[in-house]
């Protein structure tokens, strides 16, 4: 996979990982424009995922897509001020180790 494809895959993983945090925050008192913006971001992610799958093998992209839980935890800590507990740090490290082992 080239650098451009890897960068796009990481961007999609970051956006997709933060998706649930943004939805949780956005639906509390969401005006219609915020809901439309969230739909636009979700649609963008879907289209880019399909474009990546058209150009690259799913096995090459799977390592990037498996990082979504890590980005979700980071987004929850940064955006929603959720506590970053030692258990979450260990879980993120375990996910990273698992991705590394699966990518061999």
PDB file of N, CA and C in Angstrom:
ATOM      1  N   UNK A   1       0.843  -1.168   0.000  1.00  0.00           N
ATOM      2  CA  UNK A   1       0.000   0.000   0.000  1.00  0.00           C
ATOM      3  C   UNK A   1       0.893   1.237   0.000  1.00  0.00           C
ATOM      4  N   UNK A   2       0.526   2.206  -0.807  1.00  0.00           N
ATOM      5  CA  UNK A   2       1.315   3.426  -0.872  1.00  0.00           C
ATOM      6  C   UNK A   2       0.966   4.370   0.278  1.00  0.00           C
ATOM      7  N   UNK A   3       1.735   5.424   0.410  1.00  0.00           N
ATOM      8  CA  UNK A   3       1.577   6.359   1.516  1.00  0.00           C
ATOM      9  C   UNK A   3       0.230   7.080   1.467  1.00  0.00           C
ATOM     10  N   UNK A   4      -0.239   7.410   0.277  1.00  0.00           N
ATOM     11  CA  UNK A   4      -1.522   8.106   0.138  1.00  0.00           C
ATOM     12  C   UNK A   4      -2.664   7.227   0.640  1.00  0.00           C
ATOM     13  N   UNK A   5      -2.677   5.974   0.247  1.00  0.00           N
ATOM     14  CA  UNK A   5      -3.715   5.065   0.699  1.00  0.00           C
ATOM     15  C   UNK A   5      -3.682   4.852   2.200  1.00  0.00           C
ATOM     16  N   UNK A   6      -2.485   4.728   2.755  1.00  0.00           N
ATOM     17  CA  UNK A   6      -2.351   4.555   4.203  1.00  0.00           C
ATOM     18  C   UNK A   6      -2.839   5.796   4.943  1.00  0.00           C
ATOM     19  N   UNK A   7      -2.525   6.977   4.432  1.00  0.00           N
ATOM     20  CA  UNK A   7      -2.970   8.215   5.083  1.00  0.00           C
ATOM     21  C   UNK A   7      -4.488   8.339   5.052  1.00  0.00           C
ATOM     22  N   UNK A   8      -5.090   8.002   3.930  1.00  0.00           N
ATOM     23  CA  UNK A   8      -6.553   8.066   3.837  1.00  0.00           C
ATOM     24  C   UNK A   8      -7.193   7.034   4.768  1.00  0.00           C
ATOM     25  N   UNK A   9      -6.620   5.841   4.846  1.00  0.00           N
ATOM     26  CA  UNK A   9      -7.154   4.817   5.733  1.00  0.00           C
ATOM     27  C   UNK A   9      -7.065   5.247   7.194  1.00  0.00           C
ATOM     28  N   UNK A  10      -5.979   5.884   7.575  1.00  0.00           N
ATOM     29  CA  UNK A  10      -5.846   6.381   8.952  1.00  0.00           C
ATOM     30  C   UNK A  10      -6.861   7.489   9.216  1.00  0.00           C
ATOM     31  N   UNK A  11      -7.044   8.391   8.268  1.00  0.00           N
ATOM     32  CA  UNK A  11      -8.026   9.459   8.430  1.00  0.00           C
ATOM     33  C   UNK A  11      -9.432   8.898   8.617  1.00  0.00           C
ATOM     34  N   UNK A  12      -9.793   7.923   7.795  1.00  0.00           N
ATOM     35  CA  UNK A  12     -11.110   7.310   7.921  1.00  0.00           C
ATOM     36  C   UNK A  12     -11.248   6.610   9.266  1.00  0.00           C
ATOM     37  N   UNK A  13     -10.210   5.951   9.717  1.00  0.00           N
ATOM     38  CA  UNK A  13     -10.262   5.280  11.019  1.00  0.00           C
ATOM     39  C   UNK A  13     -10.434   6.276  12.156  1.00  0.00           C
ATOM     40  N   UNK A  14      -9.759   7.406  12.068  1.00  0.00           N
ATOM     41  CA  UNK A  14      -9.909   8.436  13.098  1.00  0.00           C
ATOM     42  C   UNK A  14     -11.336   8.970  13.106  1.00  0.00           C
ATOM     43  N   UNK A  15     -11.855   9.301  11.935  1.00  0.00           N
ATOM     44  CA  UNK A  15     -13.217   9.828  11.867  1.00  0.00           C
ATOM     45  C   UNK A  15     -14.243   8.797  12.318  1.00  0.00           C
ATOM     46  N   UNK A  16     -14.060   7.562  11.915  1.00  0.00           N
ATOM     47  CA  UNK A  16     -15.009   6.521  12.292  1.00  0.00           C
ATOM     48  C   UNK A  16     -14.919   6.216  13.783  1.00  0.00           C
ATOM     49  N   UNK A  17     -13.722   6.252  14.337  1.00  0.00           N
ATOM     50  CA  UNK A  17     -13.554   6.013  15.765  1.00  0.00           C
ATOM     51  C   UNK A  17     -14.187   7.102  16.608  1.00  0.00           C
ATOM     52  N   UNK A  18     -14.146   8.328  16.138  1.00  0.00           N
ATOM     53  CA  UNK A  18     -14.755   9.444  16.868  1.00  0.00           C
ATOM     54  C   UNK A  18     -16.248   9.557  16.610  1.00  0.00           C
ATOM     55  N   UNK A  19     -16.763   8.782  15.685  1.00  0.00           N
ATOM     56  CA  UNK A  19     -18.159   8.872  15.282  1.00  0.00           C
ATOM     57  C   UNK A  19     -19.122   8.685  16.450  1.00  0.00           C
ATOM     58  N   UNK A  20     -18.927   7.648  17.251  1.00  0.00           N
ATOM     59  CA  UNK A  20     -19.863   7.388  18.340  1.00  0.00           C
ATOM     60  C   UNK A  20     -19.815   8.475  19.404  1.00  0.00           C
ATOM     61  N   UNK A  21     -18.647   9.038  19.651  1.00  0.00           N
ATOM     62  CA  UNK A  21     -18.520  10.131  20.625  1.00  0.00           C
ATOM     63  C   UNK A  21     -19.266  11.361  20.130  1.00  0.00           C
ATOM     64  N   UNK A  22     -19.080  11.680  18.870  1.00  0.00           N
ATOM     65  CA  UNK A  22     -19.743  12.851  18.299  1.00  0.00           C
ATOM     66  C   UNK A  22     -21.254  12.647  18.275  1.00  0.00           C
ATOM     67  N   UNK A  23     -21.708  11.453  17.952  1.00  0.00           N
ATOM     68  CA  UNK A  23     -23.141  11.191  17.934  1.00  0.00           C
ATOM     69  C   UNK A  23     -23.723  11.342  19.334  1.00  0.00           C
ATOM     70  N   UNK A  24     -23.030  10.810  20.339  1.00  0.00           N
ATOM     71  CA  UNK A  24     -23.517  10.926  21.716  1.00  0.00           C
ATOM     72  C   UNK A  24     -23.648  12.389  22.121  1.00  0.00           C
ATOM     73  N   UNK A  25     -22.626  13.172  21.829  1.00  0.00           N
ATOM     74  CA  UNK A  25     -22.667  14.592  22.176  1.00  0.00           C
ATOM     75  C   UNK A  25     -23.658  15.356  21.310  1.00  0.00           C
ATOM     76  N   UNK A  26     -23.735  14.985  20.055  1.00  0.00           N
ATOM     77  CA  UNK A  26     -24.558  15.736  19.117  1.00  0.00           C
ATOM     78  C   UNK A  26     -26.044  15.529  19.267  1.00  0.00           C
ATOM     79  N   UNK A  27     -26.453  14.420  19.819  1.00  0.00           N
ATOM     80  CA  UNK A  27     -27.880  14.140  19.898  1.00  0.00           C
ATOM     81  C   UNK A  27     -28.535  14.655  21.166  1.00  0.00           C
ATOM     82  N   UNK A  28     -27.772  15.235  22.075  1.00  0.00           N
ATOM     83  CA  UNK A  28     -28.363  15.713  23.318  1.00  0.00           C
ATOM     84  C   UNK A  28     -29.365  16.831  23.053  1.00  0.00           C
ATOM     85  N   UNK A  29     -28.981  17.874  22.423  1.00  0.00           N
ATOM     86  CA  UNK A  29     -29.883  18.967  22.024  1.00  0.00           C
ATOM     87  C   UNK A  29     -29.523  19.386  20.610  1.00  0.00           C
ATOM     88  N   UNK A  30     -29.656  18.446  19.699  1.00  0.00           N
ATOM     89  CA  UNK A  30     -29.128  18.656  18.350  1.00  0.00           C
ATOM     90  C   UNK A  30     -30.068  19.491  17.489  1.00  0.00           C
ATOM     91  N   UNK A  31     -29.584  20.622  17.012  1.00  0.00           N
ATOM     92  CA  UNK A  31     -30.347  21.352  16.000  1.00  0.00           C
ATOM     93  C   UNK A  31     -30.216  20.633  14.656  1.00  0.00           C
ATOM     94  N   UNK A  32     -31.111  20.893  13.741  1.00  0.00           N
ATOM     95  CA  UNK A  32     -31.098  20.189  12.448  1.00  0.00           C
ATOM     96  C   UNK A  32     -29.794  20.335  11.680  1.00  0.00           C
ATOM     97  N   UNK A  33     -29.143  21.480  11.780  1.00  0.00           N
ATOM     98  CA  UNK A  33     -27.902  21.672  11.034  1.00  0.00           C
ATOM     99  C   UNK A  33     -26.797  20.761  11.562  1.00  0.00           C
ATOM    100  N   UNK A  34     -26.743  20.547  12.866  1.00  0.00           N
ATOM    101  CA  UNK A  34     -25.737  19.645  13.431  1.00  0.00           C
ATOM    102  C   UNK A  34     -26.000  18.214  12.979  1.00  0.00           C
ATOM    103  N   UNK A  35     -27.265  17.809  12.960  1.00  0.00           N
ATOM    104  CA  UNK A  35     -27.588  16.460  12.487  1.00  0.00           C
ATOM    105  C   UNK A  35     -27.214  16.287  11.020  1.00  0.00           C
ATOM    106  N   UNK A  36     -27.450  17.312  10.224  1.00  0.00           N
ATOM    107  CA  UNK A  36     -27.075  17.246   8.808  1.00  0.00           C
ATOM    108  C   UNK A  36     -25.567  17.129   8.656  1.00  0.00           C
ATOM    109  N   UNK A  37     -24.808  17.864   9.471  1.00  0.00           N
ATOM    110  CA  UNK A  37     -23.353  17.791   9.423  1.00  0.00           C
ATOM    111  C   UNK A  37     -22.869  16.396   9.790  1.00  0.00           C
ATOM    112  N   UNK A  38     -23.473  15.789  10.819  1.00  0.00           N
ATOM    113  CA  UNK A  38     -23.090  14.443  11.232  1.00  0.00           C
ATOM    114  C   UNK A  38     -23.399  13.429  10.133  1.00  0.00           C
ATOM    115  N   UNK A  39     -24.524  13.594   9.451  1.00  0.00           N
ATOM    116  CA  UNK A  39     -24.847  12.697   8.333  1.00  0.00           C
ATOM    117  C   UNK A  39     -23.842  12.861   7.197  1.00  0.00           C
ATOM    118  N   UNK A  40     -23.416  14.077   6.956  1.00  0.00           N
ATOM    119  CA  UNK A  40     -22.442  14.331   5.905  1.00  0.00           C
ATOM    120  C   UNK A  40     -21.111  13.653   6.220  1.00  0.00           C
ATOM    121  N   UNK A  41     -20.643  13.746   7.452  1.00  0.00           N
ATOM    122  CA  UNK A  41     -19.389  13.098   7.853  1.00  0.00           C
ATOM    123  C   UNK A  41     -19.516  11.579   7.737  1.00  0.00           C
ATOM    124  N   UNK A  42     -20.636  11.033   8.192  1.00  0.00           N
ATOM    125  CA  UNK A  42     -20.835   9.580   8.099  1.00  0.00           C
ATOM    126  C   UNK A  42     -20.880   9.123   6.645  1.00  0.00           C
ATOM    127  N   UNK A  43     -21.555   9.878   5.808  1.00  0.00           N
ATOM    128  CA  UNK A  43     -21.604   9.541   4.390  1.00  0.00           C
ATOM    129  C   UNK A  43     -20.236   9.622   3.739  1.00  0.00           C
ATOM    130  N   UNK A  44     -19.454  10.634   4.108  1.00  0.00           N
ATOM    131  CA  UNK A  44     -18.094  10.767   3.602  1.00  0.00           C
ATOM    132  C   UNK A  44     -17.269   9.545   3.979  1.00  0.00           C
ATOM    133  N   UNK A  45     -17.365   9.127   5.242  1.00  0.00           N
ATOM    134  CA  UNK A  45     -16.627   7.943   5.687  1.00  0.00           C
ATOM    135  C   UNK A  45     -17.008   6.718   4.882  1.00  0.00           C
ATOM    136  N   UNK A  46     -18.301   6.539   4.639  1.00  0.00           N
ATOM    137  CA  UNK A  46     -18.773   5.373   3.893  1.00  0.00           C
ATOM    138  C   UNK A  46     -18.225   5.379   2.470  1.00  0.00           C
ATOM    139  N   UNK A  47     -18.292   6.506   1.806  1.00  0.00           N
ATOM    140  CA  UNK A  47     -17.821   6.608   0.418  1.00  0.00           C
ATOM    141  C   UNK A  47     -16.306   6.379   0.344  1.00  0.00           C
ATOM    142  N   UNK A  48     -15.569   6.957   1.277  1.00  0.00           N
ATOM    143  CA  UNK A  48     -14.112   6.774   1.263  1.00  0.00           C
ATOM    144  C   UNK A  48     -13.755   5.316   1.561  1.00  0.00           C
ATOM    145  N   UNK A  49     -14.486   4.680   2.485  1.00  0.00           N
ATOM    146  CA  UNK A  49     -14.259   3.256   2.748  1.00  0.00           C
ATOM    147  C   UNK A  49     -14.445   2.432   1.474  1.00  0.00           C
ATOM    148  N   UNK A  50     -15.507   2.701   0.742  1.00  0.00           N
ATOM    149  CA  UNK A  50     -15.752   1.953  -0.500  1.00  0.00           C
ATOM    150  C   UNK A  50     -14.661   2.235  -1.535  1.00  0.00           C
ATOM    151  N   UNK A  51     -14.228   3.488  -1.614  1.00  0.00           N
ATOM    152  CA  UNK A  51     -13.164   3.822  -2.573  1.00  0.00           C
ATOM    153  C   UNK A  51     -11.861   3.116  -2.203  1.00  0.00           C
ATOM    154  N   UNK A  52     -11.556   3.069  -0.917  1.00  0.00           N
ATOM    155  CA  UNK A  52     -10.349   2.362  -0.495  1.00  0.00           C
ATOM    156  C   UNK A  52     -10.442   0.873  -0.806  1.00  0.00           C
ATOM    157  N   UNK A  53     -11.613   0.293  -0.589  1.00  0.00           N
ATOM    158  CA  UNK A  53     -11.781  -1.131  -0.870  1.00  0.00           C
ATOM    159  C   UNK A  53     -11.719  -1.432  -2.363  1.00  0.00           C
ATOM    160  N   UNK A  54     -12.038  -0.460  -3.183  1.00  0.00           N
ATOM    161  CA  UNK A  54     -11.937  -0.649  -4.629  1.00  0.00           C
ATOM    162  C   UNK A  54     -10.479  -0.674  -5.073  1.00  0.00           C
ATOM    163  N   UNK A  55      -9.645   0.146  -4.418  1.00  0.00           N
ATOM    164  CA  UNK A  55      -8.262   0.296  -4.855  1.00  0.00           C
ATOM    165  C   UNK A  55      -7.259  -0.598  -4.123  1.00  0.00           C
ATOM    166  N   UNK A  56      -7.610  -1.062  -2.921  1.00  0.00           N
ATOM    167  CA  UNK A  56      -6.669  -1.845  -2.115  1.00  0.00           C
ATOM    168  C   UNK A  56      -7.329  -3.130  -1.639  1.00  0.00           C
ATOM    169  N   UNK A  57      -6.491  -4.094  -1.331  1.00  0.00           N
ATOM    170  CA  UNK A  57      -7.006  -5.370  -0.811  1.00  0.00           C
ATOM    171  C   UNK A  57      -7.548  -5.170   0.604  1.00  0.00           C
ATOM    172  N   UNK A  58      -8.651  -5.829   0.952  1.00  0.00           N
ATOM    173  CA  UNK A  58      -9.173  -5.720   2.319  1.00  0.00           C
ATOM    174  C   UNK A  58      -8.151  -6.142   3.373  1.00  0.00           C
ATOM    175  N   UNK A  59      -7.317  -7.113   3.050  1.00  0.00           N
ATOM    176  CA  UNK A  59      -6.309  -7.541   4.024  1.00  0.00           C
ATOM    177  C   UNK A  59      -5.292  -6.430   4.305  1.00  0.00           C
ATOM    178  N   UNK A  60      -5.023  -5.586   3.319  1.00  0.00           N
ATOM    179  CA  UNK A  60      -4.086  -4.482   3.527  1.00  0.00           C
ATOM    180  C   UNK A  60      -4.718  -3.369   4.361  1.00  0.00           C
ATOM    181  N   UNK A  61      -6.028  -3.204   4.258  1.00  0.00           N
ATOM    182  CA  UNK A  61      -6.725  -2.145   4.979  1.00  0.00           C
ATOM    183  C   UNK A  61      -7.152  -2.549   6.382  1.00  0.00           C
ATOM    184  N   UNK A  62      -7.221  -3.833   6.647  1.00  0.00           N
ATOM    185  CA  UNK A  62      -7.786  -4.284   7.921  1.00  0.00           C
ATOM    186  C   UNK A  62      -7.000  -3.767   9.118  1.00  0.00           C
ATOM    187  N   UNK A  63      -5.700  -3.680   9.012  1.00  0.00           N
ATOM    188  CA  UNK A  63      -4.907  -3.173  10.136  1.00  0.00           C
ATOM    189  C   UNK A  63      -5.270  -1.729  10.465  1.00  0.00           C
ATOM    190  N   UNK A  64      -5.540  -0.928   9.441  1.00  0.00           N
ATOM    191  CA  UNK A  64      -5.925   0.463   9.684  1.00  0.00           C
ATOM    192  C   UNK A  64      -7.323   0.542  10.287  1.00  0.00           C
ATOM    193  N   UNK A  65      -8.240  -0.268   9.777  1.00  0.00           N
ATOM    194  CA  UNK A  65      -9.616  -0.202  10.269  1.00  0.00           C
ATOM    195  C   UNK A  65      -9.739  -0.739  11.689  1.00  0.00           C
ATOM    196  N   UNK A  66      -8.833  -1.616  12.096  1.00  0.00           N
ATOM    197  CA  UNK A  66      -8.875  -2.152  13.449  1.00  0.00           C
ATOM    198  C   UNK A  66      -8.394  -1.143  14.488  1.00  0.00           C
ATOM    199  N   UNK A  67      -7.847  -0.022  14.061  1.00  0.00           N
ATOM    200  CA  UNK A  67      -7.429   1.014  15.009  1.00  0.00           C
ATOM    201  C   UNK A  67      -8.590   1.898  15.453  1.00  0.00           C
ATOM    202  N   UNK A  68      -9.778   1.707  14.911  1.00  0.00           N
ATOM    203  CA  UNK A  68     -10.915   2.555  15.243  1.00  0.00           C
ATOM    204  C   UNK A  68     -11.241   2.582  16.734  1.00  0.00           C
ATOM    205  N   UNK A  69     -11.192   1.452  17.464  1.00  0.00           N
ATOM    206  CA  UNK A  69     -11.462   1.545  18.909  1.00  0.00           C
ATOM    207  C   UNK A  69     -10.464   2.432  19.648  1.00  0.00           C
ATOM    208  N   UNK A  70      -9.217   2.412  19.218  1.00  0.00           N
ATOM    209  CA  UNK A  70      -8.208   3.257  19.866  1.00  0.00           C
ATOM    210  C   UNK A  70      -8.548   4.724  19.647  1.00  0.00           C
ATOM    211  N   UNK A  71      -8.886   5.089  18.414  1.00  0.00           N
ATOM    212  CA  UNK A  71      -9.251   6.471  18.134  1.00  0.00           C
ATOM    213  C   UNK A  71     -10.548   6.860  18.831  1.00  0.00           C
ATOM    214  N   UNK A  72     -11.458   5.917  19.016  1.00  0.00           N
ATOM    215  CA  UNK A  72     -12.688   6.195  19.753  1.00  0.00           C
ATOM    216  C   UNK A  72     -12.413   6.532  21.209  1.00  0.00           C
ATOM    217  N   UNK A  73     -11.511   5.794  21.826  1.00  0.00           N
ATOM    218  CA  UNK A  73     -11.140   6.063  23.227  1.00  0.00           C
ATOM    219  C   UNK A  73     -10.462   7.426  23.332  1.00  0.00           C
ATOM    220  N   UNK A  74      -9.559   7.717  22.416  1.00  0.00           N
ATOM    221  CA  UNK A  74      -8.867   9.006  22.441  1.00  0.00           C
ATOM    222  C   UNK A  74      -9.852  10.147  22.209  1.00  0.00           C
ATOM    223  N   UNK A  75     -10.775   9.986  21.266  1.00  0.00           N
ATOM    224  CA  UNK A  75     -11.768  11.028  20.999  1.00  0.00           C
ATOM    225  C   UNK A  75     -12.679  11.236  22.204  1.00  0.00           C
ATOM    226  N   UNK A  76     -13.068  10.156  22.867  1.00  0.00           N
ATOM    227  CA  UNK A  76     -13.910  10.290  24.054  1.00  0.00           C
ATOM    228  C   UNK A  76     -13.184  11.045  25.159  1.00  0.00           C
ATOM    229  N   UNK A  77     -11.891  10.797  25.298  1.00  0.00           N
ATOM    230  CA  UNK A  77     -11.123  11.500  26.321  1.00  0.00           C
ATOM    231  C   UNK A  77     -10.936  12.977  25.965  1.00  0.00           C
ATOM    232  N   UNK A  78     -10.679  13.272  24.701  1.00  0.00           N
ATOM    233  CA  UNK A  78     -10.424  14.649  24.295  1.00  0.00           C
ATOM    234  C   UNK A  78     -11.696  15.474  24.122  1.00  0.00           C
ATOM    235  N   UNK A  79     -12.698  14.896  23.478  1.00  0.00           N
ATOM    236  CA  UNK A  79     -13.898  15.652  23.130  1.00  0.00           C
ATOM    237  C   UNK A  79     -14.927  15.637  24.253  1.00  0.00           C
ATOM    238  N   UNK A  80     -15.188  14.469  24.816  1.00  0.00           N
ATOM    239  CA  UNK A  80     -16.244  14.342  25.815  1.00  0.00           C
ATOM    240  C   UNK A  80     -15.723  14.388  27.237  1.00  0.00           C
ATOM    241  N   UNK A  81     -14.420  14.539  27.411  1.00  0.00           N
ATOM    242  CA  UNK A  81     -13.791  14.583  28.735  1.00  0.00           C
ATOM    243  C   UNK A  81     -14.066  13.325  29.550  1.00  0.00           C
ATOM    244  N   UNK A  82     -14.198  12.194  28.867  1.00  0.00           N
ATOM    245  CA  UNK A  82     -14.323  10.917  29.568  1.00  0.00           C
ATOM    246  C   UNK A  82     -12.983  10.586  30.209  1.00  0.00           C
ATOM    247  N   UNK A  83     -13.013   9.942  31.376  1.00  0.00           N
ATOM    248  CA  UNK A  83     -11.735   9.621  32.024  1.00  0.00           C
ATOM    249  C   UNK A  83     -10.971   8.544  31.252  1.00  0.00           C
ATOM    250  N   UNK A  84      -9.686   8.728  31.148  1.00  0.00           N
ATOM    251  CA  UNK A  84      -8.812   7.757  30.496  1.00  0.00           C
ATOM    252  C   UNK A  84      -8.204   6.894  31.603  1.00  0.00           C
ATOM    253  N   UNK A  85      -8.879   5.803  31.908  1.00  0.00           N
ATOM    254  CA  UNK A  85      -8.482   4.948  33.024  1.00  0.00           C
ATOM    255  C   UNK A  85      -7.322   4.040  32.629  1.00  0.00           C
ATOM    256  N   UNK A  86      -6.614   3.507  33.605  1.00  0.00           N
ATOM    257  CA  UNK A  86      -5.528   2.568  33.288  1.00  0.00           C
ATOM    258  C   UNK A  86      -6.029   1.336  32.518  1.00  0.00           C
ATOM    259  N   UNK A  87      -7.252   0.918  32.795  1.00  0.00           N
ATOM    260  CA  UNK A  87      -7.811  -0.225  32.070  1.00  0.00           C
ATOM    261  C   UNK A  87      -7.963   0.090  30.582  1.00  0.00           C
ATOM    262  N   UNK A  88      -8.397   1.309  30.263  1.00  0.00           N
ATOM    263  CA  UNK A  88      -8.536   1.699  28.857  1.00  0.00           C
ATOM    264  C   UNK A  88      -7.181   1.783  28.171  1.00  0.00           C
ATOM    265  N   UNK A  89      -6.180   2.275  28.876  1.00  0.00           N
ATOM    266  CA  UNK A  89      -4.832   2.355  28.298  1.00  0.00           C
ATOM    267  C   UNK A  89      -4.305   0.951  28.020  1.00  0.00           C
ATOM    268  N   UNK A  90      -4.511   0.031  28.955  1.00  0.00           N
ATOM    269  CA  UNK A  90      -4.080  -1.361  28.751  1.00  0.00           C
ATOM    270  C   UNK A  90      -4.855  -1.986  27.591  1.00  0.00           C
ATOM    271  N   UNK A  91      -6.151  -1.714  27.514  1.00  0.00           N
ATOM    272  CA  UNK A  91      -6.960  -2.259  26.421  1.00  0.00           C
ATOM    273  C   UNK A  91      -6.499  -1.721  25.066  1.00  0.00           C
ATOM    274  N   UNK A  92      -6.183  -0.430  24.993  1.00  0.00           N
ATOM    275  CA  UNK A  92      -5.679   0.148  23.736  1.00  0.00           C
ATOM    276  C   UNK A  92      -4.331  -0.462  23.363  1.00  0.00           C
ATOM    277  N   UNK A  93      -3.497  -0.678  24.356  1.00  0.00           N
ATOM    278  CA  UNK A  93      -2.203  -1.318  24.086  1.00  0.00           C
ATOM    279  C   UNK A  93      -2.409  -2.748  23.594  1.00  0.00           C
ATOM    280  N   UNK A  94      -3.369  -3.461  24.187  1.00  0.00           N
ATOM    281  CA  UNK A  94      -3.662  -4.828  23.737  1.00  0.00           C
ATOM    282  C   UNK A  94      -4.177  -4.837  22.304  1.00  0.00           C
ATOM    283  N   UNK A  95      -5.015  -3.863  21.957  1.00  0.00           N
ATOM    284  CA  UNK A  95      -5.503  -3.757  20.574  1.00  0.00           C
ATOM    285  C   UNK A  95      -4.327  -3.505  19.634  1.00  0.00           C
ATOM    286  N   UNK A  96      -3.420  -2.603  20.022  1.00  0.00           N
ATOM    287  CA  UNK A  96      -2.264  -2.293  19.179  1.00  0.00           C
ATOM    288  C   UNK A  96      -1.372  -3.523  19.008  1.00  0.00           C
ATOM    289  N   UNK A  97      -1.147  -4.281  20.078  1.00  0.00           N
ATOM    290  CA  UNK A  97      -0.336  -5.496  19.988  1.00  0.00           C
ATOM    291  C   UNK A  97      -1.032  -6.518  19.087  1.00  0.00           C
ATOM    292  N   UNK A  98      -2.341  -6.661  19.239  1.00  0.00           N
ATOM    293  CA  UNK A  98      -3.092  -7.589  18.402  1.00  0.00           C
ATOM    294  C   UNK A  98      -3.024  -7.214  16.918  1.00  0.00           C
ATOM    295  N   UNK A  99      -3.116  -5.926  16.636  1.00  0.00           N
ATOM    296  CA  UNK A  99      -2.997  -5.468  15.252  1.00  0.00           C
ATOM    297  C   UNK A  99      -1.604  -5.788  14.711  1.00  0.00           C
ATOM    298  N   UNK A 100      -0.600  -5.558  15.547  1.00  0.00           N
ATOM    299  CA  UNK A 100       0.761  -5.858  15.126  1.00  0.00           C
ATOM    300  C   UNK A 100       0.966  -7.347  14.844  1.00  0.00           C
ATOM    301  N   UNK A 101       0.408  -8.189  15.712  1.00  0.00           N
ATOM    302  CA  UNK A 101       0.530  -9.642  15.498  1.00  0.00           C
ATOM    303  C   UNK A 101      -0.248 -10.101  14.269  1.00  0.00           C
ATOM    304  N   UNK A 102      -1.421  -9.528  14.058  1.00  0.00           N
ATOM    305  CA  UNK A 102      -2.240  -9.923  12.912  1.00  0.00           C
ATOM    306  C   UNK A 102      -1.665  -9.431  11.589  1.00  0.00           C
ATOM    307  N   UNK A 103      -0.885  -8.373  11.642  1.00  0.00           N
ATOM    308  CA  UNK A 103      -0.332  -7.786  10.418  1.00  0.00           C
ATOM    309  C   UNK A 103       0.946  -8.451   9.953  1.00  0.00           C
ATOM    310  N   UNK A 104       1.464  -9.361  10.721  1.00  0.00           N
ATOM    311  CA  UNK A 104       2.727 -10.027  10.345  1.00  0.00           C
ATOM    312  C   UNK A 104       2.565 -10.873   9.140  1.00  0.00           C
TER     313      UNK A 104
END
